[in-house]
Structures are given as structure tokens and as C-alpha cells.
Protein backbone atom coordinates (compact mmCIF):
# COMPACT_ATOMS: atom_id res chain seq x y z
CA MET A 1 168.52 87.71 5.23
CA LYS A 2 169.92 89.98 7.95
CA ASP A 3 172.68 87.55 8.84
CA LYS A 4 173.46 86.88 5.18
CA ARG A 5 173.88 90.58 4.45
CA ALA A 6 176.10 91.04 7.49
CA GLU A 7 178.15 88.00 6.47
CA GLN A 8 178.59 89.27 2.90
CA PHE A 9 179.53 92.72 4.17
CA ALA A 10 182.10 91.28 6.57
CA ARG A 11 183.71 88.92 4.03
CA CYS A 12 184.26 91.75 1.55
CA ALA A 13 185.12 94.43 4.09
CA VAL A 14 187.82 92.30 5.70
CA VAL A 15 189.49 91.79 2.31
CA LEU A 16 189.47 95.55 1.74
CA ALA A 17 190.68 96.27 5.27
CA ALA A 18 193.64 93.92 4.77
CA ALA A 19 194.60 95.72 1.56
CA LEU A 20 194.18 99.06 3.31
CA ASP A 21 197.21 98.22 5.47
CA GLY A 22 199.51 98.80 2.47
CA VAL A 23 201.28 102.16 2.37
CA GLY A 24 202.32 104.38 -0.47
CA ASP A 25 200.13 102.67 -3.07
CA GLY A 26 198.87 105.91 -4.52
CA GLY A 27 202.10 107.65 -5.36
CA SER A 28 201.89 110.17 -2.53
CA VAL A 29 204.78 112.45 -1.67
CA ALA A 30 207.65 110.85 0.26
CA ALA A 31 207.66 111.51 4.00
CA ASP A 32 211.26 112.82 3.78
CA PRO A 33 212.02 114.59 0.45
CA GLU A 34 215.76 114.40 1.18
CA ASP A 35 215.65 110.61 1.37
CA PRO A 36 214.96 109.04 -2.06
CA PHE A 37 214.29 105.67 -0.37
CA ALA A 38 211.76 107.01 2.13
CA VAL A 39 208.40 105.22 2.20
CA PRO A 40 205.66 107.51 0.90
CA ALA A 41 203.26 108.71 3.56
CA SER A 42 199.73 107.44 2.92
CA THR A 43 196.88 109.92 2.68
CA ASP A 44 193.12 109.55 2.34
CA GLU A 45 193.40 110.72 -1.27
CA ASP A 46 195.72 107.86 -2.29
CA LEU A 47 194.42 105.39 -4.84
CA PHE A 48 193.33 102.27 -3.01
CA ALA A 49 195.38 99.10 -3.62
CA PRO A 50 195.66 99.27 -7.44
CA SER A 51 197.13 95.76 -7.46
CA LEU A 52 194.03 94.24 -5.83
CA ALA A 53 192.03 92.71 -8.66
CA GLY A 54 188.30 93.35 -8.53
CA ARG A 55 188.53 95.90 -5.73
CA GLU A 56 185.65 97.91 -7.19
CA GLY A 57 183.33 94.89 -7.24
CA ILE A 58 184.32 93.95 -3.70
CA PHE A 59 183.66 97.52 -2.55
CA ASP A 60 180.26 97.57 -4.25
CA GLN A 61 179.24 94.20 -2.77
CA ALA A 62 180.29 95.22 0.73
CA LEU A 63 178.57 98.61 0.50
CA SER A 64 175.33 97.27 -0.96
CA ASN A 65 174.98 94.56 1.69
CA GLY A 66 176.02 96.85 4.53
CA LEU A 67 173.62 99.64 3.62
CA ALA A 68 170.76 97.17 2.98
CA ALA A 69 171.30 95.66 6.42
CA ILE A 70 171.29 99.09 8.07
CA VAL A 71 168.18 100.37 6.27
CA ALA A 72 166.28 97.11 6.88
CA PHE A 73 167.13 97.35 10.59
CA GLU A 74 166.28 101.04 10.99
CA TRP A 75 163.33 101.37 8.58
CA PRO A 76 162.07 97.85 7.71
CA GLY A 77 160.80 97.49 4.18
CA GLU A 78 162.43 100.64 2.81
CA GLU A 79 165.49 98.74 1.63
CA ALA A 80 163.53 97.24 -1.29
CA LYS A 81 161.15 98.23 -4.06
CA ARG A 82 157.56 96.99 -4.20
CA ASN A 83 158.66 94.06 -6.39
CA GLY A 84 161.07 92.97 -3.66
CA ARG A 85 164.28 94.00 -5.41
CA VAL A 86 166.76 95.61 -3.05
CA LEU A 87 167.63 99.21 -3.83
CA PRO A 88 171.10 99.95 -5.19
CA ALA A 89 173.63 101.49 -2.83
CA SER A 90 173.14 105.03 -4.15
CA GLU A 91 169.38 104.80 -3.47
CA LEU A 92 169.96 103.32 -0.02
CA LEU A 93 172.14 106.32 0.81
CA LYS A 94 169.24 108.58 -0.19
CA VAL A 95 166.89 106.66 2.12
CA ILE A 96 169.29 107.12 5.02
CA ALA A 97 169.83 110.82 4.32
CA GLY A 98 166.06 111.27 4.00
CA HIS A 99 165.49 109.99 7.54
CA VAL A 100 168.52 111.49 9.28
CA PRO A 101 169.67 114.95 8.15
CA ALA A 102 173.30 115.05 7.06
CA THR A 103 175.80 117.58 8.37
CA ASP A 104 178.62 118.27 5.93
CA GLY A 105 177.65 115.08 4.09
CA ILE A 106 177.80 112.93 7.25
CA VAL A 107 174.87 111.15 8.91
CA LEU A 108 175.00 109.96 12.53
CA ILE A 109 172.52 107.16 13.25
CA PRO A 110 171.99 106.83 17.03
CA ASP A 111 172.19 103.40 18.61
CA LYS A 112 168.71 102.14 19.52
CA HIS A 113 170.01 100.37 22.59
CA SER A 114 172.04 101.80 25.42
CA LEU A 115 175.51 100.39 25.88
CA SER A 116 174.52 99.59 29.47
CA GLU A 117 171.95 97.11 28.09
CA ALA A 118 174.66 94.97 26.48
CA PRO A 119 174.82 91.44 27.92
CA GLN A 120 177.19 91.14 30.84
CA VAL A 121 179.86 88.45 30.88
CA ASP A 122 182.65 87.54 33.24
CA GLU A 123 185.73 89.72 33.01
CA GLY A 124 188.33 88.10 30.76
CA SER A 125 185.82 85.76 29.14
CA LEU A 126 186.80 84.50 25.69
CA PHE A 127 183.43 85.43 24.19
CA GLN A 128 183.20 89.16 24.82
CA PRO A 129 180.35 91.02 23.05
CA SER A 130 181.49 93.79 20.72
CA ARG A 131 181.09 97.23 22.25
CA LEU A 132 178.95 99.32 19.91
CA SER A 133 179.40 103.07 19.52
CA PRO A 134 176.49 105.33 20.60
CA HIS A 135 176.04 106.12 16.91
CA THR A 136 177.07 104.90 13.47
CA ARG A 137 178.91 107.40 11.29
CA ILE A 138 177.81 107.22 7.66
CA ASP A 139 179.79 109.51 5.38
CA VAL A 140 177.14 109.74 2.67
CA ALA A 141 179.16 112.11 0.48
CA THR A 142 182.30 109.97 0.53
CA LEU A 143 180.42 106.71 -0.02
CA GLN A 144 178.57 108.18 -3.00
CA SER A 145 181.92 109.36 -4.33
CA GLY A 146 183.19 105.78 -3.91
CA ILE A 147 180.24 104.45 -5.92
CA ASP A 148 181.01 106.92 -8.71
CA ALA A 149 184.73 106.05 -8.56
CA SER A 150 184.06 102.33 -9.02
CA GLN A 151 181.64 102.52 -11.94
CA LYS A 152 184.13 102.79 -14.82
CA ALA A 153 185.97 99.60 -13.88
CA ARG A 154 182.79 97.69 -13.00
CA HIS A 155 181.18 98.44 -16.36
CA GLY A 156 184.22 98.17 -18.65
CA ARG A 157 184.72 101.88 -19.16
CA GLY A 158 188.25 102.21 -17.81
CA ALA A 159 190.15 102.04 -14.54
CA GLY A 160 188.45 102.71 -11.24
CA THR A 161 189.61 105.52 -8.97
CA LEU A 162 188.76 104.23 -5.51
CA GLN A 163 190.68 106.01 -2.78
CA ARG A 164 191.61 105.08 0.76
CA ARG A 165 188.98 107.47 2.14
CA HIS A 166 186.26 105.48 0.36
CA ILE A 167 187.35 102.25 2.05
CA GLU A 168 187.65 103.90 5.45
CA ALA A 169 184.10 105.29 5.12
CA LEU A 170 182.89 101.80 4.21
CA LEU A 171 184.55 100.22 7.25
CA ASP A 172 182.82 102.76 9.53
CA LEU A 173 179.51 101.03 8.74
CA ASP A 174 180.54 98.01 10.82
CA GLY A 175 179.75 99.98 13.97
CA HIS A 176 176.03 99.63 13.31
CA GLU A 177 173.92 97.21 15.35
CA SER A 178 172.90 95.25 12.25
CA LEU A 179 176.54 94.57 11.38
CA GLY A 180 179.43 94.54 13.87
CA VAL A 181 180.73 91.31 12.37
CA MET A 182 184.12 92.25 10.91
CA GLY A 183 186.06 91.22 13.99
CA GLU A 184 184.68 87.68 13.93
CA GLU A 185 185.27 87.33 10.19
CA GLN A 186 188.81 88.67 10.52
CA GLN A 187 189.61 86.22 13.31
CA ASP A 188 188.27 83.35 11.21
CA ARG A 189 190.52 84.37 8.31
CA ILE A 190 193.56 84.63 10.58
CA GLN A 191 192.91 81.14 11.93
CA GLN A 192 192.41 79.69 8.44
CA VAL A 193 195.64 81.26 7.15
CA ALA A 194 197.52 80.10 10.25
CA GLN A 195 196.27 76.52 9.82
CA ARG A 196 197.27 76.46 6.14
CA GLU A 197 200.72 77.84 6.92
CA ASP A 198 201.19 75.33 9.75
CA ALA A 199 200.21 72.44 7.50
CA ALA A 200 202.73 73.63 4.91
CA SER A 201 205.43 73.91 7.58
CA GLN A 202 204.74 70.34 8.71
CA ARG A 203 204.98 69.06 5.13
CA ARG A 204 208.36 70.75 4.66
CA ALA A 205 209.58 69.29 7.96
CA PHE A 206 208.52 65.74 6.96
CA GLU A 207 210.32 66.14 3.63
CA TYR A 208 213.42 67.37 5.43
CA LEU A 209 213.32 64.38 7.79
CA GLU A 210 213.23 62.01 4.84
CA ARG A 211 216.35 63.65 3.41
CA ILE A 212 218.46 63.52 6.56
CA GLY A 213 217.25 60.09 7.77
CA GLU A 214 216.41 58.76 11.23
CA ASP A 215 220.03 58.33 12.38
CA GLU A 216 220.93 61.95 11.62
CA ALA A 217 217.73 63.15 13.25
CA ALA A 218 218.53 61.19 16.41
CA ARG A 219 222.11 62.54 16.44
CA ARG A 220 220.85 66.11 16.16
CA ALA A 221 218.31 65.53 18.92
CA ASN A 222 221.04 64.21 21.27
CA GLN A 223 223.21 67.25 20.59
CA ALA A 224 220.43 69.84 20.68
CA VAL A 225 221.16 72.77 22.96
CA ASN A 226 218.23 74.88 24.08
CA PRO A 227 218.86 78.50 22.98
CA ASN A 228 216.01 79.75 25.19
CA PRO A 229 216.39 78.04 28.57
CA TYR A 230 214.59 79.28 31.65
CA HIS A 231 216.61 81.31 34.15
CA PRO A 232 214.90 83.06 37.09
CA LYS A 233 217.06 86.17 36.66
CA HIS A 234 218.50 86.30 33.15
CA ASN A 235 215.66 84.69 31.19
CA PRO A 236 212.45 84.36 33.26
CA ASP A 237 210.38 83.86 30.07
CA GLY A 238 212.52 80.94 28.88
CA GLN A 239 211.05 77.49 28.29
CA ASP A 240 212.28 73.89 28.35
CA LEU A 241 212.59 72.08 25.04
CA ASP A 242 209.25 70.55 24.05
CA THR A 243 208.38 67.47 22.02
CA CYS A 244 208.13 68.25 18.32
CA PRO A 245 204.79 67.15 16.83
CA VAL A 246 206.50 66.26 13.55
CA CYS A 247 209.69 64.34 14.37
CA GLY A 248 208.76 63.34 17.94
CA HIS A 249 212.10 64.42 19.42
CA GLU A 250 212.35 66.62 22.48
CA ALA A 251 213.95 69.36 20.42
CA PHE A 252 211.24 71.96 19.88
CA CYS A 253 212.58 75.34 20.98
CA VAL A 254 209.69 77.23 22.56
CA GLU A 255 210.04 80.96 22.00
CA GLY A 256 206.77 81.75 23.77
CA LEU A 257 203.22 80.61 24.47
CA ASP A 258 200.13 81.53 22.48
CA PRO A 259 199.05 84.99 23.69
CA VAL A 260 195.38 84.18 24.42
CA PHE A 261 195.32 80.80 26.14
CA GLY A 262 198.95 80.28 27.16
CA ARG A 263 198.76 76.57 26.39
CA ILE A 264 200.59 76.02 23.10
CA GLY A 265 204.19 76.96 22.47
CA TYR A 266 205.42 78.57 19.25
CA GLY A 267 208.96 78.34 17.93
CA GLN A 268 211.07 75.94 15.84
CA CYS A 269 212.32 72.38 16.08
CA LEU A 270 216.10 72.08 16.22
CA VAL A 271 215.96 68.74 14.38
CA CYS A 272 213.41 68.86 11.57
CA THR A 273 213.07 72.69 11.39
CA TYR A 274 209.26 72.58 11.80
CA THR A 275 208.12 76.11 12.69
CA ARG A 276 204.92 76.96 14.57
CA THR A 277 203.92 80.64 14.44
CA PRO A 278 202.12 82.53 17.23
CA ASP A 279 198.94 82.58 15.12
CA ALA A 280 199.13 78.82 14.59
CA ALA A 281 199.73 78.30 18.31
CA GLU A 282 196.70 80.47 19.08
CA ALA A 283 194.51 78.52 16.64
CA GLU A 284 195.59 75.24 18.26
CA GLY A 285 195.07 76.72 21.71
CA PHE A 286 191.57 77.79 20.70
CA ALA A 287 190.78 74.24 19.52
CA GLU A 288 192.02 72.81 22.82
CA HIS A 289 190.01 75.38 24.75
CA LEU A 290 186.81 74.43 22.91
CA ALA A 291 187.51 70.74 23.52
CA TRP A 292 187.99 71.49 27.22
CA ILE A 293 184.65 73.37 27.33
CA MET A 294 182.84 70.50 25.57
CA ASN A 295 184.30 67.89 27.91
CA ARG A 296 183.67 69.72 31.17
């Protein structure tokens, strides 16, 4: 159950974190009043992502699972009633505040394990353990306010009034030992999106090849000029043209190598226009790295 709660928390929290990156979604005052086109400066009081459908339900699911995981870890059994039903988020907040006194509405739960006890791995290893904070900050007052702000929309009584501060307080929970899973979930989502985008780019390139025909593709390949050639002084980061995985011509302009493994080039083919993004290159590099580990 612990892993399931952490997984549910992470899946929902990552969606909310992605929407949190938007600015000016609450109608805050423009950063420069003299510039009518200035982007509004975001504040904690801004409404949170009003265009995100179901944000209140996502918030509630993330909060309920996150708090249940924390209470079950810290005080086993107190996360549920005698009949086994897990307490609602508001009651879980009361359990936490009952064990750890709040200061200005904020509870600090100390880490049970010293950071020095974390497993040691080689420097630069791909699989680094997440570094936990000495305590988890739980803003009980703000999270309870978030619960109240989401109720109208969740129960058909009007629009919710979730604010950015509610989401930020929710994301703070990920620092707890029972959670700490957002980073892994976020990386999985990035890889999935990158793979879908790369597949779409390949489909467009194949369609383009069919339109121009093999003769035109060969002509373009013969005339291709590398816009990013290597030069020890003027362009030390330049790369030779690579073979395109779609059209097979040595016409793929490499703009750089994936930032983690340095194995796969990203850029665009000068013949079929296939484009590989840095995220797609990293996902492919990760797959190659795993294959190398398995075959060692």
C-alpha cells in the first residue's frame, strides 16, 4: 500500500507541478504597469491553472495519498479508522498536528534517518539516491485552506478557488521519506512525451519522403552541406553529418549530443526533415545505456 500511495501522489503531483509553471494565470498585476504587454508577475495568491480541468480532484487525490503515506510511516495504524477506511485529508492533517506541534500553522517532521546513512554510490552514477531534507515541511494551515478551496468544484457547488500556494504546499510533502518519488515520475513522463513526439516526427518524415521521391532525396543528400561542421578553433562543438534513421542518408545535422550519456545526437535531417529533440536523444541514450548494462 505504501508504494501505491506514493505512486498515486507522484502521478497527481507531477501534473500539478507542470501546470504550476504557467505564469499570470490568476490575473495578478503586471510586472511593469507602463507596459500593457508585460507578463503578469505570479504570486502565491494567484488562482491555480483555471484552464486545467479537474484540478481540484487531482489536488485532493495527491493530498490524500501523500498524507496517508506520511501518517502510516510515522504513526502506523493512525491513518485509518477501526473499520480500515483511510481518514480524509483534513483528519490526517489533525493527526499530524496532534503529534507534532505546529508553529504558525507549519509542522516540521524530522527525518528518522540521518543523511549520512543514505546508501553510497559512485560519483556520477546514473542511479543516484534522492537526498532527503532533515525534515519535511507540512504547511497544515495552507493545506487545509486548499481542501476548503476545492470543495465547491468537487461537489458541484461552484468553481474552486485553488491558489498557487496550495499547490506549492502540496509539493513540499514529497520531501518525506515515505514519498520522494516525484523526480522519478517526472522523468518517466518526460521520456514518454519525448518518445511520442519522436514517433510523430518520424511519421512526418516518412510522409515527406513519399512526396519528394527517392531521386529527389538522393539529390538533396548529395548536395547537403553541413551547417555545423567541427572546427578546432571556430566550432569545437561541431559534429560530422550522421546517418538519418528515417531516410538512411548521411544528412542528419547533429546540433549536439544527449546531455546525460553523450551517445545520441539531436538535430534535423537535411533531406527528410526528421527532427530529434534533446529529450528524445536522452531517452534513446538511456535505452542504449540499459542495453549496455544488461549485456556486460
